Amino acid sequence: MAGLFIAQIAAQNGSVEKIIIYPALFIIAAICFYFIYSGFVISVNPWHLVEKYIAAAIEENIKLYSQLPFKAEDINFFKDNKKNMIDGITQIFPSLVIIASTLLIWANFLLGKKILGKAGIVWPKFAALARWKAPDLLIWIFIISGGLYFVPHKDLNFFSLNIFLIACFIYFLQGLAIVSFLFQSKNVPLFFRYIFYFLIAVQQFLMIPIVAVGLFDIWIDFRKYFQKDQTAN
């Protein structure tokens, strides 16, 4: 269904933001409906159902780690900190759902764009996605949500943390757009581009400098330093 949304909005010449946001909202709504309806059926608070779901997932992961050649102290570390992991993931569950849904649609959109391009179907409007930039207003959301997290109020911490993580994710996408622009400007071979993206997937700490690039692009405008004489495709 989300794929049909992507195709329909793209066919109507919708903006990149609409193509990503609307199908992602559909997935998010489906996940919310799942937990709300399941909670209603078994007469359980939907949020408690989320906690049970996360607890079961972590328990299964610990069982999996126990079967792998990890050190005994590493396995015990996971077991001893299981409660903290459950609480931590539960606290950021809303932002994880939003980020995962958006990332899924974004990846499918890029893949579909490439496949259609090879078939000779090109939307000129989406030819320069490497120039995509987040709204300038986002910086205030980033700063305010980050500041409110340090206010000693449980509910406020919950909402501010999730909003802050979503803002970081948007800057991560902008950072990737800048990296893509650099690759195109310097004609970096596809092989090395894929290696770089693979390293980001397996070494998540690399996301931090990419988020920083997307954030500081507001003041530095990195792409103007990579600009060639002609616009990058």
C-alpha atoms as a PDB file:
ATOM      1  CA  MET A   1       0.000   0.000   0.000  1.00  0.00           C
ATOM      2  CA  ALA A   2       2.822   2.397   0.837  1.00  0.00           C
ATOM      3  CA  GLY A   3       4.401   1.609  -2.526  1.00  0.00           C
ATOM      4  CA  LEU A   4       1.158   2.522  -4.276  1.00  0.00           C
ATOM      5  CA  PHE A   5       1.142   5.821  -2.364  1.00  0.00           C
ATOM      6  CA  ILE A   6       4.670   6.552  -3.572  1.00  0.00           C
ATOM      7  CA  ALA A   7       3.733   5.851  -7.185  1.00  0.00           C
ATOM      8  CA  GLN A   8       0.502   7.869  -7.022  1.00  0.00           C
ATOM      9  CA  ILE A   9       2.092  10.961  -5.487  1.00  0.00           C
ATOM     10  CA  ALA A  10       5.061  10.813  -7.868  1.00  0.00           C
ATOM     11  CA  ALA A  11       2.716  10.480 -10.857  1.00  0.00           C
ATOM     12  CA  GLN A  12       0.938  13.651  -9.704  1.00  0.00           C
ATOM     13  CA  ASN A  13       4.279  15.468  -9.690  1.00  0.00           C
ATOM     14  CA  GLY A  14       4.264  15.770  -5.907  1.00  0.00           C
ATOM     15  CA  SER A  15       7.263  17.092  -4.030  1.00  0.00           C
ATOM     16  CA  VAL A  16       9.929  14.822  -2.590  1.00  0.00           C
ATOM     17  CA  GLU A  17       8.710  15.656   0.904  1.00  0.00           C
ATOM     18  CA  LYS A  18       5.162  14.527   0.081  1.00  0.00           C
ATOM     19  CA  ILE A  19       6.401  11.323  -1.557  1.00  0.00           C
ATOM     20  CA  ILE A  20       8.315  10.407   1.612  1.00  0.00           C
ATOM     21  CA  ILE A  21       6.051  11.776   4.351  1.00  0.00           C
ATOM     22  CA  TYR A  22       2.601  10.574   3.240  1.00  0.00           C
ATOM     23  CA  PRO A  23       3.470   6.874   2.748  1.00  0.00           C
ATOM     24  CA  ALA A  24       5.518   6.966   5.970  1.00  0.00           C
ATOM     25  CA  LEU A  25       2.479   8.333   7.815  1.00  0.00           C
ATOM     26  CA  PHE A  26       0.469   5.422   6.424  1.00  0.00           C
ATOM     27  CA  ILE A  27       2.936   2.911   7.896  1.00  0.00           C
ATOM     28  CA  ILE A  28       3.037   4.780  11.216  1.00  0.00           C
ATOM     29  CA  ALA A  29      -0.770   4.813  11.364  1.00  0.00           C
ATOM     30  CA  ALA A  30      -0.842   1.070  10.644  1.00  0.00           C
ATOM     31  CA  ILE A  31       1.590   0.383  13.502  1.00  0.00           C
ATOM     32  CA  CYS A  32      -0.451   2.556  15.869  1.00  0.00           C
ATOM     33  CA  PHE A  33      -3.634   0.785  14.814  1.00  0.00           C
ATOM     34  CA  TYR A  34      -1.990  -2.590  15.445  1.00  0.00           C
ATOM     35  CA  PHE A  35      -1.087  -1.780  19.043  1.00  0.00           C
ATOM     36  CA  ILE A  36      -4.324   0.069  19.819  1.00  0.00           C
ATOM     37  CA  TYR A  37      -6.551  -2.651  18.349  1.00  0.00           C
ATOM     38  CA  SER A  38      -4.524  -5.482  19.913  1.00  0.00           C
ATOM     39  CA  GLY A  39      -4.662  -3.735  23.281  1.00  0.00           C
ATOM     40  CA  PHE A  40      -8.412  -3.309  22.954  1.00  0.00           C
ATOM     41  CA  VAL A  41      -8.910  -6.989  22.088  1.00  0.00           C
ATOM     42  CA  ILE A  42      -6.962  -8.280  25.084  1.00  0.00           C
ATOM     43  CA  SER A  43      -7.984  -5.372  27.373  1.00  0.00           C
ATOM     44  CA  VAL A  44      -4.436  -4.089  27.833  1.00  0.00           C
ATOM     45  CA  ASN A  45      -3.135  -0.535  27.687  1.00  0.00           C
ATOM     46  CA  PRO A  46      -1.533  -0.168  24.202  1.00  0.00           C
ATOM     47  CA  TRP A  47       1.610   1.315  25.749  1.00  0.00           C
ATOM     48  CA  HIS A  48       1.955  -1.713  28.048  1.00  0.00           C
ATOM     49  CA  LEU A  49       1.627  -3.855  24.942  1.00  0.00           C
ATOM     50  CA  VAL A  50       4.537  -1.935  23.403  1.00  0.00           C
ATOM     51  CA  GLU A  51       6.609  -2.615  26.532  1.00  0.00           C
ATOM     52  CA  LYS A  52       5.768  -6.334  26.363  1.00  0.00           C
ATOM     53  CA  TYR A  53       6.661  -6.401  22.665  1.00  0.00           C
ATOM     54  CA  ILE A  54      10.059  -4.771  23.299  1.00  0.00           C
ATOM     55  CA  ALA A  55      10.742  -7.006  26.307  1.00  0.00           C
ATOM     56  CA  ALA A  56      10.005 -10.114  24.239  1.00  0.00           C
ATOM     57  CA  ALA A  57      12.231  -8.882  21.409  1.00  0.00           C
ATOM     58  CA  ILE A  58      15.146  -8.209  23.766  1.00  0.00           C
ATOM     59  CA  GLU A  59      14.663 -11.581  25.448  1.00  0.00           C
ATOM     60  CA  GLU A  60      14.837 -13.309  22.071  1.00  0.00           C
ATOM     61  CA  ASN A  61      17.991 -11.382  21.200  1.00  0.00           C
ATOM     62  CA  ILE A  62      19.639 -12.422  24.461  1.00  0.00           C
ATOM     63  CA  LYS A  63      18.792 -16.060  23.681  1.00  0.00           C
ATOM     64  CA  LEU A  64      20.324 -15.609  20.237  1.00  0.00           C
ATOM     65  CA  TYR A  65      23.490 -14.043  21.675  1.00  0.00           C
ATOM     66  CA  SER A  66      23.766 -16.987  24.103  1.00  0.00           C
ATOM     67  CA  GLN A  67      24.012 -19.326  21.123  1.00  0.00           C
ATOM     68  CA  LEU A  68      26.723 -17.271  19.454  1.00  0.00           C
ATOM     69  CA  PRO A  69      30.430 -17.361  20.380  1.00  0.00           C
ATOM     70  CA  PHE A  70      30.281 -14.372  22.738  1.00  0.00           C
ATOM     71  CA  LYS A  71      32.182 -14.202  26.007  1.00  0.00           C
ATOM     72  CA  ALA A  72      30.251 -15.171  29.120  1.00  0.00           C
ATOM     73  CA  GLU A  73      30.719 -11.712  30.649  1.00  0.00           C
ATOM     74  CA  ASP A  74      29.213 -10.109  27.529  1.00  0.00           C
ATOM     75  CA  ILE A  75      26.135 -12.315  27.780  1.00  0.00           C
ATOM     76  CA  ASN A  76      25.827 -11.530  31.486  1.00  0.00           C
ATOM     77  CA  PHE A  77      26.108  -7.833  30.716  1.00  0.00           C
ATOM     78  CA  PHE A  78      23.046  -8.056  28.457  1.00  0.00           C
ATOM     79  CA  LYS A  79      21.145 -10.067  31.057  1.00  0.00           C
ATOM     80  CA  ASP A  80      22.030  -7.706  33.907  1.00  0.00           C
ATOM     81  CA  ASN A  81      21.039  -4.639  31.906  1.00  0.00           C
ATOM     82  CA  LYS A  82      17.913  -6.105  30.292  1.00  0.00           C
ATOM     83  CA  LYS A  83      15.601  -3.872  32.329  1.00  0.00           C
ATOM     84  CA  ASN A  84      17.553  -0.738  31.370  1.00  0.00           C
ATOM     85  CA  MET A  85      17.496  -1.712  27.697  1.00  0.00           C
ATOM     86  CA  ILE A  86      13.742  -2.314  27.800  1.00  0.00           C
ATOM     87  CA  ASP A  87      13.125   1.041  29.483  1.00  0.00           C
ATOM     88  CA  GLY A  88      15.470   2.876  27.111  1.00  0.00           C
ATOM     89  CA  ILE A  89      14.020   1.449  23.902  1.00  0.00           C
ATOM     90  CA  THR A  90      10.463   1.908  25.179  1.00  0.00           C
ATOM     91  CA  GLN A  91      11.170   5.576  25.861  1.00  0.00           C
ATOM     92  CA  ILE A  92      12.327   6.207  22.276  1.00  0.00           C
ATOM     93  CA  PHE A  93       9.869   3.800  20.622  1.00  0.00           C
ATOM     94  CA  PRO A  94       7.755   6.568  18.972  1.00  0.00           C
ATOM     95  CA  SER A  95      10.813   8.123  17.318  1.00  0.00           C
ATOM     96  CA  LEU A  96      12.094   4.675  16.283  1.00  0.00           C
ATOM     97  CA  VAL A  97       8.786   3.958  14.548  1.00  0.00           C
ATOM     98  CA  ILE A  98       8.843   7.297  12.727  1.00  0.00           C
ATOM     99  CA  ILE A  99      12.510   7.000  11.744  1.00  0.00           C
ATOM    100  CA  ALA A 100      12.222   3.381  10.589  1.00  0.00           C
ATOM    101  CA  SER A 101       9.066   4.090   8.556  1.00  0.00           C
ATOM    102  CA  THR A 102      10.592   7.152   6.921  1.00  0.00           C
ATOM    103  CA  LEU A 103      13.865   5.361   6.209  1.00  0.00           C
ATOM    104  CA  LEU A 104      11.984   2.456   4.645  1.00  0.00           C
ATOM    105  CA  ILE A 105      10.036   4.749   2.302  1.00  0.00           C
ATOM    106  CA  TRP A 106      13.122   6.830   1.520  1.00  0.00           C
ATOM    107  CA  ALA A 107      15.145   3.723   0.587  1.00  0.00           C
ATOM    108  CA  ASN A 108      12.329   2.346  -1.580  1.00  0.00           C
ATOM    109  CA  PHE A 109      11.913   5.704  -3.296  1.00  0.00           C
ATOM    110  CA  LEU A 110      15.612   5.943  -4.152  1.00  0.00           C
ATOM    111  CA  LEU A 111      15.702   2.339  -5.333  1.00  0.00           C
ATOM    112  CA  GLY A 112      12.555   2.782  -7.415  1.00  0.00           C
ATOM    113  CA  LYS A 113      13.920   6.000  -8.910  1.00  0.00           C
ATOM    114  CA  LYS A 114      17.097   4.197  -9.979  1.00  0.00           C
ATOM    115  CA  ILE A 115      15.216   1.227 -11.463  1.00  0.00           C
ATOM    116  CA  LEU A 116      12.821   3.492 -13.366  1.00  0.00           C
ATOM    117  CA  GLY A 117      15.772   5.580 -14.556  1.00  0.00           C
ATOM    118  CA  LYS A 118      17.361   2.490 -16.110  1.00  0.00           C
ATOM    119  CA  ALA A 119      14.044   1.851 -17.852  1.00  0.00           C
ATOM    120  CA  GLY A 120      14.108   5.372 -19.306  1.00  0.00           C
ATOM    121  CA  ILE A 121      11.459   6.794 -16.960  1.00  0.00           C
ATOM    122  CA  VAL A 122      12.868   9.941 -15.348  1.00  0.00           C
ATOM    123  CA  TRP A 123      11.181  12.668 -13.322  1.00  0.00           C
ATOM    124  CA  PRO A 124      13.266  15.808 -13.907  1.00  0.00           C
ATOM    125  CA  LYS A 125      11.995  17.250 -10.636  1.00  0.00           C
ATOM    126  CA  PHE A 126      13.835  14.514  -8.722  1.00  0.00           C
ATOM    127  CA  ALA A 127      17.074  14.646 -10.696  1.00  0.00           C
ATOM    128  CA  ALA A 128      18.902  16.753  -8.109  1.00  0.00           C
ATOM    129  CA  LEU A 129      17.975  15.066  -4.823  1.00  0.00           C
ATOM    130  CA  ALA A 130      21.551  15.668  -3.701  1.00  0.00           C
ATOM    131  CA  ARG A 131      20.549  19.334  -3.308  1.00  0.00           C
ATOM    132  CA  TRP A 132      17.766  18.553  -0.823  1.00  0.00           C
ATOM    133  CA  LYS A 133      17.844  20.679   2.318  1.00  0.00           C
ATOM    134  CA  ALA A 134      15.849  20.555   5.542  1.00  0.00           C
ATOM    135  CA  PRO A 135      13.739  23.603   6.491  1.00  0.00           C
ATOM    136  CA  ASP A 136      15.704  26.252   8.390  1.00  0.00           C
ATOM    137  CA  LEU A 137      13.043  26.197  11.131  1.00  0.00           C
ATOM    138  CA  LEU A 138      14.234  22.727  12.103  1.00  0.00           C
ATOM    139  CA  ILE A 139      17.271  24.157  13.898  1.00  0.00           C
ATOM    140  CA  TRP A 140      15.005  25.725  16.536  1.00  0.00           C
ATOM    141  CA  ILE A 141      13.173  22.439  17.049  1.00  0.00           C
ATOM    142  CA  PHE A 142      16.561  20.754  17.399  1.00  0.00           C
ATOM    143  CA  ILE A 143      17.813  23.267  19.982  1.00  0.00           C
ATOM    144  CA  ILE A 144      14.601  23.560  22.014  1.00  0.00           C
ATOM    145  CA  SER A 145      13.944  19.810  22.188  1.00  0.00           C
ATOM    146  CA  GLY A 146      17.555  19.179  23.176  1.00  0.00           C
ATOM    147  CA  GLY A 147      17.338  21.801  25.923  1.00  0.00           C
ATOM    148  CA  LEU A 148      13.996  20.582  27.274  1.00  0.00           C
ATOM    149  CA  TYR A 149      15.397  17.089  27.744  1.00  0.00           C
ATOM    150  CA  PHE A 150      17.429  18.380  30.693  1.00  0.00           C
ATOM    151  CA  VAL A 151      14.328  19.728  32.446  1.00  0.00           C
ATOM    152  CA  PRO A 152      13.556  17.377  35.375  1.00  0.00           C
ATOM    153  CA  HIS A 153      10.100  16.325  34.198  1.00  0.00           C
ATOM    154  CA  LYS A 154       9.428  12.757  33.061  1.00  0.00           C
ATOM    155  CA  ASP A 155       6.735  13.431  30.451  1.00  0.00           C
ATOM    156  CA  LEU A 156       8.600  16.432  29.067  1.00  0.00           C
ATOM    157  CA  ASN A 157      11.781  14.360  28.796  1.00  0.00           C
ATOM    158  CA  PHE A 158       9.869  11.676  26.916  1.00  0.00           C
ATOM    159  CA  PHE A 159       8.482  14.028  24.256  1.00  0.00           C
ATOM    160  CA  SER A 160      11.608  16.185  23.933  1.00  0.00           C
ATOM    161  CA  LEU A 161      13.896  13.172  23.486  1.00  0.00           C
ATOM    162  CA  ASN A 162      11.759  11.679  20.712  1.00  0.00           C
ATOM    163  CA  ILE A 163      11.453  15.030  18.922  1.00  0.00           C
ATOM    164  CA  PHE A 164      15.212  15.559  19.243  1.00  0.00           C
ATOM    165  CA  LEU A 165      15.957  12.140  17.715  1.00  0.00           C
ATOM    166  CA  ILE A 166      13.606  12.829  14.793  1.00  0.00           C
ATOM    167  CA  ALA A 167      15.331  16.184  14.189  1.00  0.00           C
ATOM    168  CA  CYS A 168      18.704  14.409  14.235  1.00  0.00           C
ATOM    169  CA  PHE A 169      17.391  11.909  11.690  1.00  0.00           C
ATOM    170  CA  ILE A 170      16.290  14.701   9.335  1.00  0.00           C
ATOM    171  CA  TYR A 171      19.747  16.260   9.589  1.00  0.00           C
ATOM    172  CA  PHE A 172      21.170  12.805   8.903  1.00  0.00           C
ATOM    173  CA  LEU A 173      19.237  12.710   5.617  1.00  0.00           C
ATOM    174  CA  GLN A 174      20.507  16.178   4.760  1.00  0.00           C
ATOM    175  CA  GLY A 175      24.036  15.038   5.567  1.00  0.00           C
ATOM    176  CA  LEU A 176      23.608  12.075   3.221  1.00  0.00           C
ATOM    177  CA  ALA A 177      22.398  14.450   0.497  1.00  0.00           C
ATOM    178  CA  ILE A 178      25.567  16.513   0.959  1.00  0.00           C
ATOM    179  CA  VAL A 179      27.737  13.388   0.823  1.00  0.00           C
ATOM    180  CA  SER A 180      25.912  12.305  -2.341  1.00  0.00           C
ATOM    181  CA  PHE A 181      26.519  15.751  -3.843  1.00  0.00           C
ATOM    182  CA  LEU A 182      30.227  15.396  -3.031  1.00  0.00           C
ATOM    183  CA  PHE A 183      30.374  11.971  -4.677  1.00  0.00           C
ATOM    184  CA  GLN A 184      28.673  13.297  -7.808  1.00  0.00           C
ATOM    185  CA  SER A 185      30.822  16.424  -7.978  1.00  0.00           C
ATOM    186  CA  LYS A 186      34.038  14.440  -7.649  1.00  0.00           C
ATOM    187  CA  ASN A 187      32.818  11.578  -9.878  1.00  0.00           C
ATOM    188  CA  VAL A 188      33.510   9.004  -7.174  1.00  0.00           C
ATOM    189  CA  PRO A 189      33.055   5.461  -8.574  1.00  0.00           C
ATOM    190  CA  LEU A 190      29.892   3.649  -7.503  1.00  0.00           C
ATOM    191  CA  PHE A 191      31.945   0.904  -5.878  1.00  0.00           C
ATOM    192  CA  PHE A 192      33.432   3.303  -3.312  1.00  0.00           C
ATOM    193  CA  ARG A 193      30.060   4.969  -2.748  1.00  0.00           C
ATOM    194  CA  TYR A 194      28.465   1.651  -1.856  1.00  0.00           C
ATOM    195  CA  ILE A 195      31.350   0.812   0.485  1.00  0.00           C
ATOM    196  CA  PHE A 196      30.810   4.117   2.279  1.00  0.00           C
ATOM    197  CA  TYR A 197      27.071   3.523   2.672  1.00  0.00           C
ATOM    198  CA  PHE A 198      27.727  -0.034   3.831  1.00  0.00           C
ATOM    199  CA  LEU A 199      30.111   1.230   6.507  1.00  0.00           C
ATOM    200  CA  ILE A 200      27.422   3.624   7.739  1.00  0.00           C
ATOM    201  CA  ALA A 201      24.998   0.708   8.056  1.00  0.00           C
ATOM    202  CA  VAL A 202      27.399  -1.504  10.048  1.00  0.00           C
ATOM    203  CA  GLN A 203      29.206   1.215  12.018  1.00  0.00           C
ATOM    204  CA  GLN A 204      26.485   3.464  13.358  1.00  0.00           C
ATOM    205  CA  PHE A 205      28.925   5.891  14.988  1.00  0.00           C
ATOM    206  CA  LEU A 206      29.601   7.192  11.470  1.00  0.00           C
ATOM    207  CA  MET A 207      26.080   8.625  11.536  1.00  0.00           C
ATOM    208  CA  ILE A 208      27.169  11.229  14.085  1.00  0.00           C
ATOM    209  CA  PRO A 209      29.548  13.155  11.773  1.00  0.00           C
ATOM    210  CA  ILE A 210      26.961  12.938   8.970  1.00  0.00           C
ATOM    211  CA  VAL A 211      24.327  14.449  11.271  1.00  0.00           C
ATOM    212  CA  ALA A 212      26.855  17.161  12.166  1.00  0.00           C
ATOM    213  CA  VAL A 213      27.461  17.896   8.465  1.00  0.00           C
ATOM    214  CA  GLY A 214      23.713  18.228   7.881  1.00  0.00           C
ATOM    215  CA  LEU A 215      23.347  20.464  10.928  1.00  0.00           C
ATOM    216  CA  PHE A 216      26.251  22.838  10.220  1.00  0.00           C
ATOM    217  CA  ASP A 217      25.269  23.105   6.564  1.00  0.00           C
ATOM    218  CA  ILE A 218      22.902  25.846   7.733  1.00  0.00           C
ATOM    219  CA  TRP A 219      25.878  28.146   8.294  1.00  0.00           C
ATOM    220  CA  ILE A 220      28.615  26.681   6.094  1.00  0.00           C
ATOM    221  CA  ASP A 221      26.743  25.525   2.953  1.00  0.00           C
ATOM    222  CA  PHE A 222      29.110  22.669   2.130  1.00  0.00           C
ATOM    223  CA  ARG A 223      27.704  22.108  -1.345  1.00  0.00           C
ATOM    224  CA  LYS A 224      28.935  25.425  -2.667  1.00  0.00           C
ATOM    225  CA  TYR A 225      32.493  24.209  -2.043  1.00  0.00           C
ATOM    226  CA  PHE A 226      31.853  21.064  -4.061  1.00  0.00           C
ATOM    227  CA  GLN A 227      30.065  22.906  -6.860  1.00  0.00           C
ATOM    228  CA  LYS A 228      31.265  22.146 -10.358  1.00  0.00           C
ATOM    229  CA  ASP A 229      30.804  24.414 -13.346  1.00  0.00           C
ATOM    230  CA  GLN A 230      27.632  22.554 -14.219  1.00  0.00           C
ATOM    231  CA  THR A 231      24.866  21.319 -11.932  1.00  0.00           C
ATOM    232  CA  ALA A 232      25.374  17.787 -10.597  1.00  0.00           C
ATOM    233  CA  ASN A 233      22.837  15.301 -11.911  1.00  0.00           C
END
